[in-house]
């Protein structure tokens, strides 16, 4: 696993919003009112249910 940089070496004022292709991502699942422990994955694909209300009728546009 790649070692994280020391916080003192990070240019916090200029982080930006560019995509960074990192070797791992953290994923956790929410079910039955709680989050699981999560895990690291190498999968860079975002998986979303076709039944997600955010995809239907633009519902997410109206939520605060």
PDB file of N, CA and C in Angstrom:
ATOM      1  N   UNK A   1       0.837  -1.162   0.000  1.00  0.00           N
ATOM      2  CA  UNK A   1       0.000   0.000   0.000  1.00  0.00           C
ATOM      3  C   UNK A   1       0.889   1.234   0.000  1.00  0.00           C
ATOM      4  N   UNK A   2       0.484   2.264  -0.768  1.00  0.00           N
ATOM      5  CA  UNK A   2       1.256   3.503  -0.831  1.00  0.00           C
ATOM      6  C   UNK A   2       1.209   4.221   0.508  1.00  0.00           C
ATOM      7  N   UNK A   3       2.332   4.819   0.867  1.00  0.00           N
ATOM      8  CA  UNK A   3       2.420   5.541   2.131  1.00  0.00           C
ATOM      9  C   UNK A   3       1.849   6.948   1.958  1.00  0.00           C
ATOM     10  N   UNK A   4       1.029   7.372   2.889  1.00  0.00           N
ATOM     11  CA  UNK A   4       0.443   8.711   2.850  1.00  0.00           C
ATOM     12  C   UNK A   4       1.522   9.744   3.133  1.00  0.00           C
ATOM     13  N   UNK A   5       1.424  10.920   2.493  1.00  0.00           N
ATOM     14  CA  UNK A   5       2.412  11.962   2.768  1.00  0.00           C
ATOM     15  C   UNK A   5       2.246  12.518   4.177  1.00  0.00           C
ATOM     16  N   UNK A   6       3.306  13.046   4.714  1.00  0.00           N
ATOM     17  CA  UNK A   6       3.242  13.688   6.023  1.00  0.00           C
ATOM     18  C   UNK A   6       2.385  14.953   5.892  1.00  0.00           C
ATOM     19  N   UNK A   7       1.463  15.195   6.820  1.00  0.00           N
ATOM     20  CA  UNK A   7       0.605  16.383   6.731  1.00  0.00           C
ATOM     21  C   UNK A   7       1.385  17.683   6.599  1.00  0.00           C
ATOM     22  N   UNK A   8       2.551  17.764   7.180  1.00  0.00           N
ATOM     23  CA  UNK A   8       3.339  18.998   7.112  1.00  0.00           C
ATOM     24  C   UNK A   8       3.883  19.265   5.705  1.00  0.00           C
ATOM     25  N   UNK A   9       3.892  18.255   4.823  1.00  0.00           N
ATOM     26  CA  UNK A   9       4.404  18.439   3.461  1.00  0.00           C
ATOM     27  C   UNK A   9       3.315  18.765   2.456  1.00  0.00           C
ATOM     28  N   UNK A  10       2.056  18.791   2.888  1.00  0.00           N
ATOM     29  CA  UNK A  10       0.934  19.045   1.985  1.00  0.00           C
ATOM     30  C   UNK A  10       0.678  20.546   1.874  1.00  0.00           C
ATOM     31  N   UNK A  11       0.524  21.045   0.650  1.00  0.00           N
ATOM     32  CA  UNK A  11       0.207  22.455   0.409  1.00  0.00           C
ATOM     33  C   UNK A  11      -1.307  22.620   0.547  1.00  0.00           C
ATOM     34  N   UNK A  12      -1.782  22.769   1.777  1.00  0.00           N
ATOM     35  CA  UNK A  12      -3.209  22.791   2.087  1.00  0.00           C
ATOM     36  C   UNK A  12      -3.941  23.933   1.393  1.00  0.00           C
ATOM     37  N   UNK A  13      -3.301  25.028   1.106  1.00  0.00           N
ATOM     38  CA  UNK A  13      -3.954  26.187   0.486  1.00  0.00           C
ATOM     39  C   UNK A  13      -4.192  25.981  -1.005  1.00  0.00           C
ATOM     40  N   UNK A  14      -3.558  24.980  -1.605  1.00  0.00           N
ATOM     41  CA  UNK A  14      -3.672  24.772  -3.050  1.00  0.00           C
ATOM     42  C   UNK A  14      -3.988  23.324  -3.405  1.00  0.00           C
ATOM     43  N   UNK A  15      -4.932  22.726  -2.695  1.00  0.00           N
ATOM     44  CA  UNK A  15      -5.266  21.325  -2.968  1.00  0.00           C
ATOM     45  C   UNK A  15      -5.972  21.156  -4.308  1.00  0.00           C
ATOM     46  N   UNK A  16      -6.867  22.063  -4.643  1.00  0.00           N
ATOM     47  CA  UNK A  16      -7.581  21.970  -5.917  1.00  0.00           C
ATOM     48  C   UNK A  16      -8.627  20.868  -5.927  1.00  0.00           C
ATOM     49  N   UNK A  17      -9.275  20.730  -7.061  1.00  0.00           N
ATOM     50  CA  UNK A  17     -10.342  19.751  -7.212  1.00  0.00           C
ATOM     51  C   UNK A  17     -10.076  18.800  -8.373  1.00  0.00           C
ATOM     52  N   UNK A  18      -8.847  18.675  -8.777  1.00  0.00           N
ATOM     53  CA  UNK A  18      -8.507  17.777  -9.874  1.00  0.00           C
ATOM     54  C   UNK A  18      -8.638  16.326  -9.433  1.00  0.00           C
ATOM     55  N   UNK A  19      -8.989  15.476 -10.382  1.00  0.00           N
ATOM     56  CA  UNK A  19      -9.057  14.040 -10.108  1.00  0.00           C
ATOM     57  C   UNK A  19      -7.650  13.503  -9.864  1.00  0.00           C
ATOM     58  N   UNK A  20      -7.510  12.727  -8.828  1.00  0.00           N
ATOM     59  CA  UNK A  20      -6.229  12.090  -8.529  1.00  0.00           C
ATOM     60  C   UNK A  20      -6.423  10.579  -8.613  1.00  0.00           C
ATOM     61  N   UNK A  21      -5.751   9.961  -9.546  1.00  0.00           N
ATOM     62  CA  UNK A  21      -5.859   8.515  -9.718  1.00  0.00           C
ATOM     63  C   UNK A  21      -4.988   7.832  -8.668  1.00  0.00           C
ATOM     64  N   UNK A  22      -5.605   7.511  -7.547  1.00  0.00           N
ATOM     65  CA  UNK A  22      -4.897   6.902  -6.431  1.00  0.00           C
ATOM     66  C   UNK A  22      -5.030   5.380  -6.487  1.00  0.00           C
ATOM     67  N   UNK A  23      -4.130   4.658  -5.858  1.00  0.00           N
ATOM     68  CA  UNK A  23      -4.169   3.198  -5.953  1.00  0.00           C
ATOM     69  C   UNK A  23      -5.312   2.560  -5.171  1.00  0.00           C
ATOM     70  N   UNK A  24      -5.833   3.244  -4.158  1.00  0.00           N
ATOM     71  CA  UNK A  24      -6.892   2.662  -3.339  1.00  0.00           C
ATOM     72  C   UNK A  24      -7.973   3.689  -3.056  1.00  0.00           C
ATOM     73  N   UNK A  25      -9.177   3.203  -2.764  1.00  0.00           N
ATOM     74  CA  UNK A  25     -10.299   4.028  -2.343  1.00  0.00           C
ATOM     75  C   UNK A  25     -10.922   3.361  -1.132  1.00  0.00           C
ATOM     76  N   UNK A  26     -11.553   4.164  -0.287  1.00  0.00           N
ATOM     77  CA  UNK A  26     -12.247   3.626   0.882  1.00  0.00           C
ATOM     78  C   UNK A  26     -13.717   3.491   0.533  1.00  0.00           C
ATOM     79  N   UNK A  27     -14.315   2.352   0.862  1.00  0.00           N
ATOM     80  CA  UNK A  27     -15.736   2.129   0.609  1.00  0.00           C
ATOM     81  C   UNK A  27     -16.369   1.554   1.870  1.00  0.00           C
ATOM     82  N   UNK A  28     -17.540   2.072   2.211  1.00  0.00           N
ATOM     83  CA  UNK A  28     -18.296   1.572   3.360  1.00  0.00           C
ATOM     84  C   UNK A  28     -19.766   1.504   2.956  1.00  0.00           C
ATOM     85  N   UNK A  29     -20.513   0.636   3.585  1.00  0.00           N
ATOM     86  CA  UNK A  29     -21.928   0.456   3.266  1.00  0.00           C
ATOM     87  C   UNK A  29     -22.782   0.773   4.490  1.00  0.00           C
ATOM     88  N   UNK A  30     -23.910   1.415   4.235  1.00  0.00           N
ATOM     89  CA  UNK A  30     -24.851   1.777   5.292  1.00  0.00           C
ATOM     90  C   UNK A  30     -26.069   0.866   5.177  1.00  0.00           C
ATOM     91  N   UNK A  31     -26.391   0.180   6.242  1.00  0.00           N
ATOM     92  CA  UNK A  31     -27.557  -0.706   6.254  1.00  0.00           C
ATOM     93  C   UNK A  31     -28.054  -0.855   7.687  1.00  0.00           C
ATOM     94  N   UNK A  32     -29.344  -0.968   7.822  1.00  0.00           N
ATOM     95  CA  UNK A  32     -29.966  -1.183   9.132  1.00  0.00           C
ATOM     96  C   UNK A  32     -29.557  -0.125  10.162  1.00  0.00           C
ATOM     97  N   UNK A  33     -29.424   1.123   9.700  1.00  0.00           N
ATOM     98  CA  UNK A  33     -29.148   2.227  10.597  1.00  0.00           C
ATOM     99  C   UNK A  33     -27.713   2.399  11.041  1.00  0.00           C
ATOM    100  N   UNK A  34     -26.783   1.694  10.392  1.00  0.00           N
ATOM    101  CA  UNK A  34     -25.386   1.861  10.795  1.00  0.00           C
ATOM    102  C   UNK A  34     -24.446   1.574   9.623  1.00  0.00           C
ATOM    103  N   UNK A  35     -23.241   2.121   9.723  1.00  0.00           N
ATOM    104  CA  UNK A  35     -22.195   1.891   8.729  1.00  0.00           C
ATOM    105  C   UNK A  35     -21.392   0.657   9.109  1.00  0.00           C
ATOM    106  N   UNK A  36     -20.952  -0.093   8.106  1.00  0.00           N
ATOM    107  CA  UNK A  36     -20.038  -1.195   8.393  1.00  0.00           C
ATOM    108  C   UNK A  36     -18.625  -0.632   8.576  1.00  0.00           C
ATOM    109  N   UNK A  37     -17.661  -1.473   8.825  1.00  0.00           N
ATOM    110  CA  UNK A  37     -16.292  -1.024   9.082  1.00  0.00           C
ATOM    111  C   UNK A  37     -15.599  -0.477   7.835  1.00  0.00           C
ATOM    112  N   UNK A  38     -16.111  -0.795   6.678  1.00  0.00           N
ATOM    113  CA  UNK A  38     -15.512  -0.323   5.435  1.00  0.00           C
ATOM    114  C   UNK A  38     -14.248  -1.083   5.090  1.00  0.00           C
ATOM    115  N   UNK A  39     -13.737  -0.800   3.904  1.00  0.00           N
ATOM    116  CA  UNK A  39     -12.527  -1.465   3.435  1.00  0.00           C
ATOM    117  C   UNK A  39     -11.878  -0.645   2.336  1.00  0.00           C
ATOM    118  N   UNK A  40     -10.623  -0.947   2.047  1.00  0.00           N
ATOM    119  CA  UNK A  40      -9.937  -0.334   0.920  1.00  0.00           C
ATOM    120  C   UNK A  40     -10.181  -1.195  -0.310  1.00  0.00           C
ATOM    121  N   UNK A  41     -10.350  -0.537  -1.456  1.00  0.00           N
ATOM    122  CA  UNK A  41     -10.562  -1.262  -2.701  1.00  0.00           C
ATOM    123  C   UNK A  41      -9.722  -0.624  -3.797  1.00  0.00           C
ATOM    124  N   UNK A  42      -9.372  -1.395  -4.811  1.00  0.00           N
ATOM    125  CA  UNK A  42      -8.663  -0.873  -5.980  1.00  0.00           C
ATOM    126  C   UNK A  42      -9.639  -0.545  -7.097  1.00  0.00           C
ATOM    127  N   UNK A  43     -10.924  -0.819  -6.895  1.00  0.00           N
ATOM    128  CA  UNK A  43     -11.957  -0.565  -7.896  1.00  0.00           C
ATOM    129  C   UNK A  43     -12.270   0.926  -7.963  1.00  0.00           C
ATOM    130  N   UNK A  44     -12.022   1.556  -9.110  1.00  0.00           N
ATOM    131  CA  UNK A  44     -12.246   2.995  -9.271  1.00  0.00           C
ATOM    132  C   UNK A  44     -13.632   3.304  -9.834  1.00  0.00           C
ATOM    133  N   UNK A  45     -14.470   2.295  -9.987  1.00  0.00           N
ATOM    134  CA  UNK A  45     -15.797   2.494 -10.552  1.00  0.00           C
ATOM    135  C   UNK A  45     -16.805   2.785  -9.457  1.00  0.00           C
ATOM    136  N   UNK A  46     -17.598   3.829  -9.660  1.00  0.00           N
ATOM    137  CA  UNK A  46     -18.653   4.170  -8.717  1.00  0.00           C
ATOM    138  C   UNK A  46     -19.872   3.313  -9.044  1.00  0.00           C
ATOM    139  N   UNK A  47     -20.340   2.539  -8.085  1.00  0.00           N
ATOM    140  CA  UNK A  47     -21.489   1.666  -8.284  1.00  0.00           C
ATOM    141  C   UNK A  47     -22.700   2.305  -7.599  1.00  0.00           C
ATOM    142  N   UNK A  48     -23.773   2.508  -8.355  1.00  0.00           N
ATOM    143  CA  UNK A  48     -24.977   3.123  -7.809  1.00  0.00           C
ATOM    144  C   UNK A  48     -26.189   2.342  -8.318  1.00  0.00           C
ATOM    145  N   UNK A  49     -27.153   2.145  -7.458  1.00  0.00           N
ATOM    146  CA  UNK A  49     -28.337   1.378  -7.815  1.00  0.00           C
ATOM    147  C   UNK A  49     -29.159   2.108  -8.883  1.00  0.00           C
ATOM    148  N   UNK A  50     -29.688   1.350  -9.823  1.00  0.00           N
ATOM    149  CA  UNK A  50     -30.550   1.960 -10.840  1.00  0.00           C
ATOM    150  C   UNK A  50     -31.845   2.482 -10.231  1.00  0.00           C
ATOM    151  N   UNK A  51     -32.150   2.065  -9.013  1.00  0.00           N
ATOM    152  CA  UNK A  51     -33.339   2.541  -8.322  1.00  0.00           C
ATOM    153  C   UNK A  51     -33.068   3.745  -7.431  1.00  0.00           C
ATOM    154  N   UNK A  52     -31.867   4.283  -7.489  1.00  0.00           N
ATOM    155  CA  UNK A  52     -31.515   5.429  -6.651  1.00  0.00           C
ATOM    156  C   UNK A  52     -32.415   6.622  -6.959  1.00  0.00           C
ATOM    157  N   UNK A  53     -32.975   7.225  -5.899  1.00  0.00           N
ATOM    158  CA  UNK A  53     -33.859   8.381  -6.115  1.00  0.00           C
ATOM    159  C   UNK A  53     -33.094   9.563  -6.699  1.00  0.00           C
ATOM    160  N   UNK A  54     -31.791   9.595  -6.522  1.00  0.00           N
ATOM    161  CA  UNK A  54     -30.990  10.661  -7.114  1.00  0.00           C
ATOM    162  C   UNK A  54     -30.957  10.609  -8.627  1.00  0.00           C
ATOM    163  N   UNK A  55     -31.251   9.438  -9.203  1.00  0.00           N
ATOM    164  CA  UNK A  55     -31.278   9.290 -10.658  1.00  0.00           C
ATOM    165  C   UNK A  55     -32.677   9.475 -11.236  1.00  0.00           C
ATOM    166  N   UNK A  56     -33.697   9.357 -10.424  1.00  0.00           N
ATOM    167  CA  UNK A  56     -35.065   9.421 -10.911  1.00  0.00           C
ATOM    168  C   UNK A  56     -35.676  10.786 -10.683  1.00  0.00           C
ATOM    169  N   UNK A  57     -36.187  11.377 -11.729  1.00  0.00           N
ATOM    170  CA  UNK A  57     -36.935  12.632 -11.660  1.00  0.00           C
ATOM    171  C   UNK A  57     -36.106  13.790 -11.129  1.00  0.00           C
ATOM    172  N   UNK A  58     -34.799  13.697 -11.125  1.00  0.00           N
ATOM    173  CA  UNK A  58     -33.940  14.777 -10.621  1.00  0.00           C
ATOM    174  C   UNK A  58     -34.205  15.098  -9.155  1.00  0.00           C
ATOM    175  N   UNK A  59     -34.664  14.116  -8.397  1.00  0.00           N
ATOM    176  CA  UNK A  59     -35.036  14.354  -6.997  1.00  0.00           C
ATOM    177  C   UNK A  59     -33.895  14.966  -6.191  1.00  0.00           C
ATOM    178  N   UNK A  60     -32.661  14.595  -6.474  1.00  0.00           N
ATOM    179  CA  UNK A  60     -31.533  15.102  -5.709  1.00  0.00           C
ATOM    180  C   UNK A  60     -31.357  16.605  -5.882  1.00  0.00           C
ATOM    181  N   UNK A  61     -31.861  17.150  -6.993  1.00  0.00           N
ATOM    182  CA  UNK A  61     -31.744  18.595  -7.232  1.00  0.00           C
ATOM    183  C   UNK A  61     -32.556  19.405  -6.238  1.00  0.00           C
ATOM    184  N   UNK A  62     -33.544  18.800  -5.623  1.00  0.00           N
ATOM    185  CA  UNK A  62     -34.440  19.543  -4.742  1.00  0.00           C
ATOM    186  C   UNK A  62     -34.178  19.283  -3.260  1.00  0.00           C
ATOM    187  N   UNK A  63     -33.175  18.472  -2.967  1.00  0.00           N
ATOM    188  CA  UNK A  63     -32.856  18.183  -1.579  1.00  0.00           C
ATOM    189  C   UNK A  63     -31.758  19.111  -1.098  1.00  0.00           C
ATOM    190  N   UNK A  64     -31.869  19.543   0.127  1.00  0.00           N
ATOM    191  CA  UNK A  64     -30.863  20.461   0.661  1.00  0.00           C
ATOM    192  C   UNK A  64     -29.736  19.714   1.316  1.00  0.00           C
TER     193      UNK A  64
END
